[in-house]
């Protein structure tokens, strides 16, 4: 299957990427705010969402095909990026990630109900 890079395809992909990155950023920011109980800012959440998406994608490319181990390592890589960006250690990072996942799902369900179909959130795995 070959995809032709038409201007419409590129524009559509860019919109999906930007909307989903915003959803991932908002979800991680709210997750951090709930778990560590302080405002950590949008820049940190954006950096975590973008770096997390890159780490998740890279590990997915390298190990995603390995049953059980691949998805587990992908999730650990994503939580590791959150751990790198936020204080509190791995437990706190896992809490932020879990909360971010719930928030992202809620946002995407809301967008889907409004008719704006966004298939996934860049920066939040499995959404």
N, C-alpha and C. Protein backbone atom coordinates (compact mmCIF):
# COMPACT_ATOMS: atom_id res chain seq x y z
N UNK A 1 0.84 -1.17 0.00
CA UNK A 1 0.00 0.00 0.00
C UNK A 1 0.89 1.24 0.00
N UNK A 2 0.71 2.06 -0.98
CA UNK A 2 1.52 3.26 -1.10
C UNK A 2 0.63 4.48 -0.92
N UNK A 3 1.12 5.44 -0.12
CA UNK A 3 0.37 6.66 0.13
C UNK A 3 0.98 7.79 -0.68
N UNK A 4 0.13 8.50 -1.40
CA UNK A 4 0.58 9.65 -2.15
C UNK A 4 0.54 10.87 -1.25
N UNK A 5 1.62 11.59 -1.18
CA UNK A 5 1.69 12.77 -0.31
C UNK A 5 1.10 13.98 -1.02
N UNK A 6 -0.21 14.00 -1.09
CA UNK A 6 -0.89 15.15 -1.67
C UNK A 6 -0.97 16.26 -0.64
N UNK A 7 -1.16 17.50 -1.07
CA UNK A 7 -1.29 18.60 -0.10
C UNK A 7 -2.43 18.37 0.90
N UNK A 8 -3.53 17.79 0.45
CA UNK A 8 -4.65 17.51 1.34
C UNK A 8 -4.30 16.49 2.40
N UNK A 9 -3.56 15.44 2.01
CA UNK A 9 -3.13 14.42 2.96
C UNK A 9 -2.18 15.01 4.00
N UNK A 10 -1.22 15.80 3.56
CA UNK A 10 -0.25 16.41 4.46
C UNK A 10 -0.95 17.36 5.43
N UNK A 11 -1.87 18.17 4.91
CA UNK A 11 -2.60 19.11 5.77
C UNK A 11 -3.44 18.36 6.79
N UNK A 12 -4.11 17.31 6.37
CA UNK A 12 -4.93 16.51 7.27
C UNK A 12 -4.07 15.86 8.35
N UNK A 13 -2.94 15.30 7.96
CA UNK A 13 -2.03 14.66 8.91
C UNK A 13 -1.49 15.69 9.90
N UNK A 14 -1.19 16.88 9.43
CA UNK A 14 -0.68 17.93 10.31
C UNK A 14 -1.74 18.35 11.33
N UNK A 15 -2.98 18.47 10.90
CA UNK A 15 -4.06 18.84 11.83
C UNK A 15 -4.26 17.75 12.87
N UNK A 16 -4.28 16.49 12.44
CA UNK A 16 -4.43 15.38 13.39
C UNK A 16 -3.28 15.38 14.38
N UNK A 17 -2.06 15.57 13.89
CA UNK A 17 -0.89 15.60 14.77
C UNK A 17 -1.00 16.73 15.78
N UNK A 18 -1.32 17.93 15.33
CA UNK A 18 -1.40 19.08 16.23
C UNK A 18 -2.51 18.93 17.26
N UNK A 19 -3.69 18.51 16.82
CA UNK A 19 -4.80 18.34 17.76
C UNK A 19 -4.47 17.25 18.78
N UNK A 20 -3.93 16.15 18.31
CA UNK A 20 -3.62 15.08 19.24
C UNK A 20 -2.46 15.44 20.17
N UNK A 21 -1.51 16.24 19.70
CA UNK A 21 -0.44 16.69 20.58
C UNK A 21 -0.98 17.64 21.65
N UNK A 22 -1.92 18.48 21.29
CA UNK A 22 -2.56 19.36 22.28
C UNK A 22 -3.31 18.52 23.32
N UNK A 23 -4.03 17.51 22.86
CA UNK A 23 -4.74 16.62 23.79
C UNK A 23 -3.75 15.94 24.73
N UNK A 24 -2.65 15.42 24.19
CA UNK A 24 -1.63 14.78 25.01
C UNK A 24 -1.00 15.74 26.00
N UNK A 25 -0.76 16.96 25.57
CA UNK A 25 -0.17 17.98 26.45
C UNK A 25 -1.12 18.31 27.59
N UNK A 26 -2.37 18.56 27.25
CA UNK A 26 -3.37 18.90 28.28
C UNK A 26 -3.52 17.73 29.25
N UNK A 27 -3.58 16.51 28.74
CA UNK A 27 -3.75 15.34 29.59
C UNK A 27 -2.57 15.17 30.55
N UNK A 28 -1.36 15.31 30.06
CA UNK A 28 -0.18 15.17 30.92
C UNK A 28 -0.13 16.31 31.94
N UNK A 29 -0.45 17.52 31.51
CA UNK A 29 -0.45 18.66 32.44
C UNK A 29 -1.45 18.44 33.56
N UNK A 30 -2.67 18.03 33.21
CA UNK A 30 -3.68 17.78 34.24
C UNK A 30 -3.30 16.59 35.12
N UNK A 31 -2.73 15.56 34.50
CA UNK A 31 -2.26 14.41 35.29
C UNK A 31 -1.21 14.82 36.30
N UNK A 32 -0.26 15.64 35.87
CA UNK A 32 0.79 16.12 36.78
C UNK A 32 0.19 17.01 37.87
N UNK A 33 -0.74 17.86 37.50
CA UNK A 33 -1.35 18.76 38.47
C UNK A 33 -2.12 17.97 39.54
N UNK A 34 -2.81 16.92 39.13
CA UNK A 34 -3.57 16.10 40.08
C UNK A 34 -2.62 15.30 40.98
N UNK A 35 -1.60 14.69 40.40
CA UNK A 35 -0.74 13.78 41.16
C UNK A 35 0.26 14.51 42.04
N UNK A 36 0.91 15.55 41.53
CA UNK A 36 1.91 16.23 42.36
C UNK A 36 1.37 17.50 42.99
N UNK A 37 0.10 17.80 42.73
CA UNK A 37 -0.64 18.86 43.40
C UNK A 37 0.00 20.24 43.28
N UNK A 38 0.50 20.53 42.09
CA UNK A 38 0.96 21.89 41.81
C UNK A 38 1.03 22.10 40.30
N UNK A 39 0.94 23.36 39.92
CA UNK A 39 0.98 23.70 38.51
C UNK A 39 2.41 23.57 38.02
N UNK A 40 2.61 22.79 36.98
CA UNK A 40 3.96 22.59 36.45
C UNK A 40 4.16 23.25 35.10
N UNK A 41 3.11 23.83 34.56
CA UNK A 41 3.23 24.58 33.32
C UNK A 41 3.02 23.77 32.06
N UNK A 42 2.71 24.50 31.00
CA UNK A 42 2.44 23.88 29.70
C UNK A 42 3.69 23.43 28.98
N UNK A 43 4.79 24.16 29.14
CA UNK A 43 6.02 23.80 28.41
C UNK A 43 6.52 22.42 28.80
N UNK A 44 6.51 22.16 30.10
CA UNK A 44 6.98 20.86 30.58
C UNK A 44 6.06 19.75 30.06
N UNK A 45 4.76 20.00 30.09
CA UNK A 45 3.81 19.00 29.60
C UNK A 45 3.98 18.78 28.10
N UNK A 46 4.19 19.85 27.35
CA UNK A 46 4.41 19.73 25.90
C UNK A 46 5.69 18.94 25.63
N UNK A 47 6.75 19.25 26.37
CA UNK A 47 8.01 18.52 26.19
C UNK A 47 7.82 17.04 26.52
N UNK A 48 7.09 16.75 27.60
CA UNK A 48 6.84 15.36 27.98
C UNK A 48 5.99 14.65 26.94
N UNK A 49 4.98 15.33 26.41
CA UNK A 49 4.11 14.71 25.40
C UNK A 49 4.89 14.42 24.12
N UNK A 50 5.67 15.38 23.68
CA UNK A 50 6.42 15.20 22.44
C UNK A 50 7.53 14.16 22.60
N UNK A 51 8.32 14.28 23.66
CA UNK A 51 9.40 13.31 23.89
C UNK A 51 8.83 11.93 24.18
N UNK A 52 7.72 11.88 24.90
CA UNK A 52 7.07 10.60 25.19
C UNK A 52 6.57 9.92 23.93
N UNK A 53 5.99 10.71 23.03
CA UNK A 53 5.52 10.16 21.76
C UNK A 53 6.68 9.63 20.93
N UNK A 54 7.78 10.37 20.93
CA UNK A 54 8.96 9.92 20.18
C UNK A 54 9.54 8.64 20.77
N UNK A 55 9.67 8.60 22.10
CA UNK A 55 10.21 7.41 22.76
C UNK A 55 9.30 6.21 22.53
N UNK A 56 8.00 6.41 22.67
CA UNK A 56 7.02 5.34 22.48
C UNK A 56 7.08 4.81 21.05
N UNK A 57 7.17 5.72 20.10
CA UNK A 57 7.22 5.33 18.68
C UNK A 57 8.52 4.58 18.36
N UNK A 58 9.64 5.08 18.87
CA UNK A 58 10.92 4.42 18.62
C UNK A 58 10.95 3.01 19.20
N UNK A 59 10.52 2.88 20.44
CA UNK A 59 10.51 1.55 21.06
C UNK A 59 9.50 0.64 20.34
N UNK A 60 8.38 1.22 19.92
CA UNK A 60 7.39 0.45 19.16
C UNK A 60 8.00 -0.08 17.86
N UNK A 61 8.76 0.75 17.19
CA UNK A 61 9.41 0.34 15.95
C UNK A 61 10.41 -0.79 16.20
N UNK A 62 11.17 -0.69 17.30
CA UNK A 62 12.21 -1.67 17.58
C UNK A 62 11.69 -2.95 18.21
N UNK A 63 10.72 -2.81 19.15
CA UNK A 63 10.29 -3.98 19.92
C UNK A 63 8.78 -4.21 19.92
N UNK A 64 8.03 -3.34 19.29
CA UNK A 64 6.57 -3.43 19.36
C UNK A 64 6.00 -4.74 18.87
N UNK A 65 6.71 -5.43 18.04
CA UNK A 65 6.24 -6.69 17.48
C UNK A 65 6.39 -7.86 18.45
N UNK A 66 7.16 -7.69 19.53
CA UNK A 66 7.39 -8.78 20.49
C UNK A 66 6.18 -8.85 21.43
N UNK A 67 5.46 -9.97 21.44
CA UNK A 67 4.28 -10.08 22.30
C UNK A 67 4.61 -9.83 23.77
N UNK A 68 3.78 -9.10 24.43
CA UNK A 68 3.86 -8.72 25.84
C UNK A 68 5.06 -7.83 26.16
N UNK A 69 6.26 -8.26 25.79
CA UNK A 69 7.45 -7.50 26.12
C UNK A 69 7.48 -6.15 25.39
N UNK A 70 7.15 -6.15 24.11
CA UNK A 70 7.18 -4.92 23.32
C UNK A 70 6.29 -3.83 23.89
N UNK A 71 4.98 -4.11 24.07
CA UNK A 71 4.10 -3.09 24.65
C UNK A 71 4.52 -2.67 26.06
N UNK A 72 5.03 -3.61 26.86
CA UNK A 72 5.47 -3.27 28.21
C UNK A 72 6.66 -2.31 28.18
N UNK A 73 7.64 -2.59 27.33
CA UNK A 73 8.81 -1.71 27.21
C UNK A 73 8.39 -0.35 26.64
N UNK A 74 7.43 -0.34 25.73
CA UNK A 74 6.94 0.93 25.18
C UNK A 74 6.32 1.78 26.29
N UNK A 75 5.52 1.16 27.14
CA UNK A 75 4.90 1.88 28.25
C UNK A 75 5.94 2.37 29.25
N UNK A 76 6.92 1.54 29.55
CA UNK A 76 7.99 1.94 30.48
C UNK A 76 8.79 3.11 29.91
N UNK A 77 9.02 3.11 28.60
CA UNK A 77 9.73 4.23 27.96
C UNK A 77 8.93 5.52 28.12
N UNK A 78 7.61 5.45 27.90
CA UNK A 78 6.75 6.63 28.02
C UNK A 78 6.72 7.13 29.47
N UNK A 79 6.56 6.22 30.43
CA UNK A 79 6.57 6.62 31.84
C UNK A 79 7.96 7.15 32.21
N UNK A 80 9.00 6.60 31.62
CA UNK A 80 10.36 7.10 31.86
C UNK A 80 10.53 8.55 31.44
N UNK A 81 9.92 8.93 30.34
CA UNK A 81 9.98 10.33 29.90
C UNK A 81 9.26 11.21 30.91
N UNK A 82 8.12 10.76 31.40
CA UNK A 82 7.40 11.54 32.42
C UNK A 82 8.25 11.63 33.67
N UNK A 83 8.90 10.53 34.05
CA UNK A 83 9.79 10.54 35.22
C UNK A 83 10.94 11.52 35.04
N UNK A 84 11.43 11.64 33.83
CA UNK A 84 12.51 12.58 33.51
C UNK A 84 12.03 14.03 33.63
N UNK A 85 10.79 14.28 33.27
CA UNK A 85 10.26 15.65 33.25
C UNK A 85 9.69 16.12 34.59
N UNK A 86 9.26 15.21 35.44
CA UNK A 86 8.56 15.60 36.66
C UNK A 86 9.23 15.01 37.89
N UNK A 87 9.17 15.73 39.02
CA UNK A 87 9.77 15.22 40.25
C UNK A 87 8.91 14.12 40.88
N UNK A 88 9.54 13.27 41.68
CA UNK A 88 8.78 12.31 42.47
C UNK A 88 9.07 10.85 42.20
N UNK A 89 9.84 10.52 41.21
CA UNK A 89 10.19 9.13 40.98
C UNK A 89 9.21 8.39 40.08
N UNK A 90 9.47 7.07 39.95
CA UNK A 90 8.73 6.23 39.02
C UNK A 90 7.26 6.07 39.42
N UNK A 91 6.98 5.97 40.71
CA UNK A 91 5.59 5.83 41.16
C UNK A 91 4.77 7.05 40.81
N UNK A 92 5.35 8.22 41.04
CA UNK A 92 4.67 9.46 40.69
C UNK A 92 4.47 9.55 39.18
N UNK A 93 5.51 9.18 38.42
CA UNK A 93 5.41 9.22 36.96
C UNK A 93 4.31 8.27 36.47
N UNK A 94 4.21 7.09 37.06
CA UNK A 94 3.16 6.15 36.68
C UNK A 94 1.78 6.72 37.02
N UNK A 95 1.67 7.40 38.16
CA UNK A 95 0.41 8.04 38.53
C UNK A 95 0.03 9.15 37.56
N UNK A 96 1.02 9.95 37.17
CA UNK A 96 0.78 11.02 36.19
C UNK A 96 0.35 10.40 34.87
N UNK A 97 1.04 9.35 34.44
CA UNK A 97 0.71 8.69 33.19
C UNK A 97 -0.69 8.09 33.20
N UNK A 98 -1.05 7.43 34.27
CA UNK A 98 -2.38 6.84 34.37
C UNK A 98 -3.48 7.89 34.35
N UNK A 99 -3.26 8.96 35.09
CA UNK A 99 -4.23 10.05 35.11
C UNK A 99 -4.31 10.72 33.74
N UNK A 100 -3.16 10.91 33.10
CA UNK A 100 -3.14 11.52 31.77
C UNK A 100 -3.89 10.66 30.78
N UNK A 101 -3.76 9.35 30.89
CA UNK A 101 -4.46 8.45 29.98
C UNK A 101 -5.97 8.61 30.12
N UNK A 102 -6.46 8.65 31.37
CA UNK A 102 -7.89 8.81 31.62
C UNK A 102 -8.38 10.16 31.07
N UNK A 103 -7.62 11.22 31.31
CA UNK A 103 -7.99 12.55 30.82
C UNK A 103 -8.02 12.56 29.29
N UNK A 104 -7.02 11.98 28.65
CA UNK A 104 -6.98 11.95 27.18
C UNK A 104 -8.16 11.18 26.61
N UNK A 105 -8.50 10.07 27.22
CA UNK A 105 -9.66 9.30 26.75
C UNK A 105 -10.93 10.15 26.88
N UNK A 106 -11.09 10.84 28.00
CA UNK A 106 -12.28 11.68 28.20
C UNK A 106 -12.34 12.80 27.17
N UNK A 107 -11.21 13.44 26.89
CA UNK A 107 -11.18 14.51 25.88
C UNK A 107 -11.53 13.96 24.51
N UNK A 108 -10.94 12.83 24.14
CA UNK A 108 -11.19 12.26 22.82
C UNK A 108 -12.62 11.76 22.65
N UNK A 109 -13.20 11.23 23.72
CA UNK A 109 -14.61 10.83 23.65
C UNK A 109 -15.47 12.07 23.45
N UNK A 110 -15.13 13.14 24.17
CA UNK A 110 -15.87 14.39 23.99
C UNK A 110 -15.74 14.94 22.58
N UNK A 111 -14.54 14.91 22.02
CA UNK A 111 -14.34 15.36 20.64
C UNK A 111 -15.10 14.49 19.65
N UNK A 112 -15.11 13.19 19.89
CA UNK A 112 -15.83 12.28 18.99
C UNK A 112 -17.33 12.56 19.04
N UNK A 113 -17.84 12.86 20.21
CA UNK A 113 -19.27 13.17 20.34
C UNK A 113 -19.62 14.49 19.65
N UNK A 114 -18.64 15.38 19.56
CA UNK A 114 -18.86 16.64 18.85
C UNK A 114 -18.71 16.48 17.34
N UNK A 115 -18.27 15.31 16.93
CA UNK A 115 -18.09 15.06 15.51
C UNK A 115 -16.68 15.28 15.01
N UNK A 116 -15.79 15.67 15.88
CA UNK A 116 -14.38 15.85 15.51
C UNK A 116 -13.66 14.54 15.81
N UNK A 117 -13.43 13.73 14.80
CA UNK A 117 -12.83 12.43 15.00
C UNK A 117 -11.32 12.55 15.06
N UNK A 118 -10.76 12.26 16.21
CA UNK A 118 -9.31 12.26 16.41
C UNK A 118 -8.95 10.85 16.84
N UNK A 119 -8.23 10.10 16.00
CA UNK A 119 -8.03 8.68 16.27
C UNK A 119 -7.13 8.38 17.46
N UNK A 120 -6.22 9.26 17.80
CA UNK A 120 -5.29 8.97 18.89
C UNK A 120 -4.74 10.28 19.42
N UNK A 121 -4.08 10.20 20.55
CA UNK A 121 -3.45 11.38 21.12
C UNK A 121 -1.94 11.17 21.10
N UNK A 122 -1.25 11.98 20.35
CA UNK A 122 0.20 11.92 20.33
C UNK A 122 0.68 12.34 21.71
N UNK A 123 1.54 11.55 22.32
CA UNK A 123 2.05 11.87 23.66
C UNK A 123 1.40 11.04 24.74
N UNK A 124 0.33 10.34 24.43
CA UNK A 124 -0.33 9.45 25.40
C UNK A 124 -0.52 8.10 24.72
N UNK A 125 0.20 7.08 25.17
CA UNK A 125 0.14 5.79 24.46
C UNK A 125 -1.20 5.10 24.62
N UNK A 126 -1.58 4.39 23.57
CA UNK A 126 -2.76 3.57 23.61
C UNK A 126 -4.06 4.33 23.52
N UNK A 127 -4.00 5.62 23.22
CA UNK A 127 -5.22 6.43 23.12
C UNK A 127 -5.42 6.81 21.69
